[in-house]
């Protein structure tokens, strides 16, 4: 079996960078028959990205609690990626 190397550089990306990377990943996974069954389905990843996007918007100019929610949602997305 051919080994595939992956990059985890997105861990250091900005919040917007993580969101864009995740969105591109969903686009590339959707309908790609070469990958079989990915560990995280595109539909589940989309839900997690939507939650992350919503918390980013809410945390913009928000307080500590909203920022903590955004950071938690980012962690969920990073784990899924």
C-alpha atoms as a PDB file:
ATOM      1  CA  UNK A   1       0.000   0.000   0.000  1.00  0.00           C
ATOM      2  CA  UNK A   2       1.271   3.426  -0.924  1.00  0.00           C
ATOM      3  CA  UNK A   3       2.058   5.668   2.033  1.00  0.00           C
ATOM      4  CA  UNK A   4       0.473   9.086   2.016  1.00  0.00           C
ATOM      5  CA  UNK A   5       2.082  11.955   3.867  1.00  0.00           C
ATOM      6  CA  UNK A   6      -0.095  14.645   5.298  1.00  0.00           C
ATOM      7  CA  UNK A   7       0.644  18.126   6.535  1.00  0.00           C
ATOM      8  CA  UNK A   8      -0.523  19.490   9.855  1.00  0.00           C
ATOM      9  CA  UNK A   9       0.623  23.059   9.188  1.00  0.00           C
ATOM     10  CA  UNK A  10      -2.974  24.228   9.499  1.00  0.00           C
ATOM     11  CA  UNK A  11      -2.639  23.852  13.301  1.00  0.00           C
ATOM     12  CA  UNK A  12      -0.666  27.108  13.358  1.00  0.00           C
ATOM     13  CA  UNK A  13      -2.982  28.932  10.944  1.00  0.00           C
ATOM     14  CA  UNK A  14      -5.242  31.783  11.936  1.00  0.00           C
ATOM     15  CA  UNK A  15      -8.876  31.027  12.703  1.00  0.00           C
ATOM     16  CA  UNK A  16      -9.847  32.096   9.198  1.00  0.00           C
ATOM     17  CA  UNK A  17      -7.046  29.964   7.766  1.00  0.00           C
ATOM     18  CA  UNK A  18      -8.304  26.894   9.641  1.00  0.00           C
ATOM     19  CA  UNK A  19     -11.845  27.571   8.410  1.00  0.00           C
ATOM     20  CA  UNK A  20     -10.684  27.940   4.800  1.00  0.00           C
ATOM     21  CA  UNK A  21      -8.548  24.786   5.007  1.00  0.00           C
ATOM     22  CA  UNK A  22     -11.451  22.825   6.452  1.00  0.00           C
ATOM     23  CA  UNK A  23     -13.830  24.109   3.799  1.00  0.00           C
ATOM     24  CA  UNK A  24     -11.392  23.137   1.052  1.00  0.00           C
ATOM     25  CA  UNK A  25     -11.011  19.701   2.661  1.00  0.00           C
ATOM     26  CA  UNK A  26     -14.785  19.195   2.563  1.00  0.00           C
ATOM     27  CA  UNK A  27     -14.796  20.206  -1.094  1.00  0.00           C
ATOM     28  CA  UNK A  28     -11.997  17.745  -1.900  1.00  0.00           C
ATOM     29  CA  UNK A  29     -13.565  14.880   0.113  1.00  0.00           C
ATOM     30  CA  UNK A  30     -17.064  15.227  -1.288  1.00  0.00           C
ATOM     31  CA  UNK A  31     -17.621  12.647  -3.991  1.00  0.00           C
ATOM     32  CA  UNK A  32     -13.976  11.532  -4.043  1.00  0.00           C
ATOM     33  CA  UNK A  33     -14.213   7.788  -4.608  1.00  0.00           C
ATOM     34  CA  UNK A  34     -10.430   7.334  -4.309  1.00  0.00           C
ATOM     35  CA  UNK A  35     -10.529   7.885  -0.559  1.00  0.00           C
ATOM     36  CA  UNK A  36     -13.063   5.270   0.405  1.00  0.00           C
ATOM     37  CA  UNK A  37     -14.589   6.193   3.755  1.00  0.00           C
ATOM     38  CA  UNK A  38     -12.765   9.136   5.357  1.00  0.00           C
ATOM     39  CA  UNK A  39     -12.451   9.155   9.164  1.00  0.00           C
ATOM     40  CA  UNK A  40     -14.655  12.257   9.290  1.00  0.00           C
ATOM     41  CA  UNK A  41     -17.524  12.481   6.823  1.00  0.00           C
ATOM     42  CA  UNK A  42     -17.812  15.685   4.787  1.00  0.00           C
ATOM     43  CA  UNK A  43     -21.284  16.268   6.274  1.00  0.00           C
ATOM     44  CA  UNK A  44     -20.002  16.025   9.861  1.00  0.00           C
ATOM     45  CA  UNK A  45     -17.021  18.245   9.082  1.00  0.00           C
ATOM     46  CA  UNK A  46     -19.364  20.806   7.497  1.00  0.00           C
ATOM     47  CA  UNK A  47     -21.443  20.932  10.685  1.00  0.00           C
ATOM     48  CA  UNK A  48     -18.316  21.470  12.781  1.00  0.00           C
ATOM     49  CA  UNK A  49     -17.067  24.180  10.410  1.00  0.00           C
ATOM     50  CA  UNK A  50     -20.421  25.957  10.529  1.00  0.00           C
ATOM     51  CA  UNK A  51     -20.327  25.968  14.329  1.00  0.00           C
ATOM     52  CA  UNK A  52     -16.750  27.282  14.228  1.00  0.00           C
ATOM     53  CA  UNK A  53     -17.700  30.031  11.771  1.00  0.00           C
ATOM     54  CA  UNK A  54     -20.658  31.064  13.932  1.00  0.00           C
ATOM     55  CA  UNK A  55     -18.489  31.233  17.053  1.00  0.00           C
ATOM     56  CA  UNK A  56     -15.830  33.236  15.194  1.00  0.00           C
ATOM     57  CA  UNK A  57     -18.479  35.773  14.227  1.00  0.00           C
ATOM     58  CA  UNK A  58     -19.884  35.918  17.768  1.00  0.00           C
ATOM     59  CA  UNK A  59     -16.427  36.252  19.339  1.00  0.00           C
ATOM     60  CA  UNK A  60     -15.433  39.160  17.087  1.00  0.00           C
ATOM     61  CA  UNK A  61     -15.274  41.960  19.597  1.00  0.00           C
ATOM     62  CA  UNK A  62     -16.855  39.718  22.227  1.00  0.00           C
ATOM     63  CA  UNK A  63     -15.683  38.834  25.675  1.00  0.00           C
ATOM     64  CA  UNK A  64     -13.790  36.038  27.308  1.00  0.00           C
ATOM     65  CA  UNK A  65     -16.688  33.563  27.255  1.00  0.00           C
ATOM     66  CA  UNK A  66     -17.309  33.966  23.502  1.00  0.00           C
ATOM     67  CA  UNK A  67     -13.605  33.651  22.775  1.00  0.00           C
ATOM     68  CA  UNK A  68     -13.458  30.448  24.827  1.00  0.00           C
ATOM     69  CA  UNK A  69     -16.399  29.044  22.821  1.00  0.00           C
ATOM     70  CA  UNK A  70     -14.596  29.916  19.581  1.00  0.00           C
ATOM     71  CA  UNK A  71     -11.392  28.275  20.786  1.00  0.00           C
ATOM     72  CA  UNK A  72     -13.300  25.129  21.756  1.00  0.00           C
ATOM     73  CA  UNK A  73     -14.985  24.984  18.336  1.00  0.00           C
ATOM     74  CA  UNK A  74     -11.570  25.461  16.687  1.00  0.00           C
ATOM     75  CA  UNK A  75     -10.247  22.489  18.676  1.00  0.00           C
ATOM     76  CA  UNK A  76     -13.137  20.345  17.477  1.00  0.00           C
ATOM     77  CA  UNK A  77     -12.394  21.278  13.849  1.00  0.00           C
ATOM     78  CA  UNK A  78      -8.660  20.656  14.242  1.00  0.00           C
ATOM     79  CA  UNK A  79      -9.325  17.238  15.752  1.00  0.00           C
ATOM     80  CA  UNK A  80     -11.671  16.394  12.894  1.00  0.00           C
ATOM     81  CA  UNK A  81      -9.111  17.435  10.294  1.00  0.00           C
END
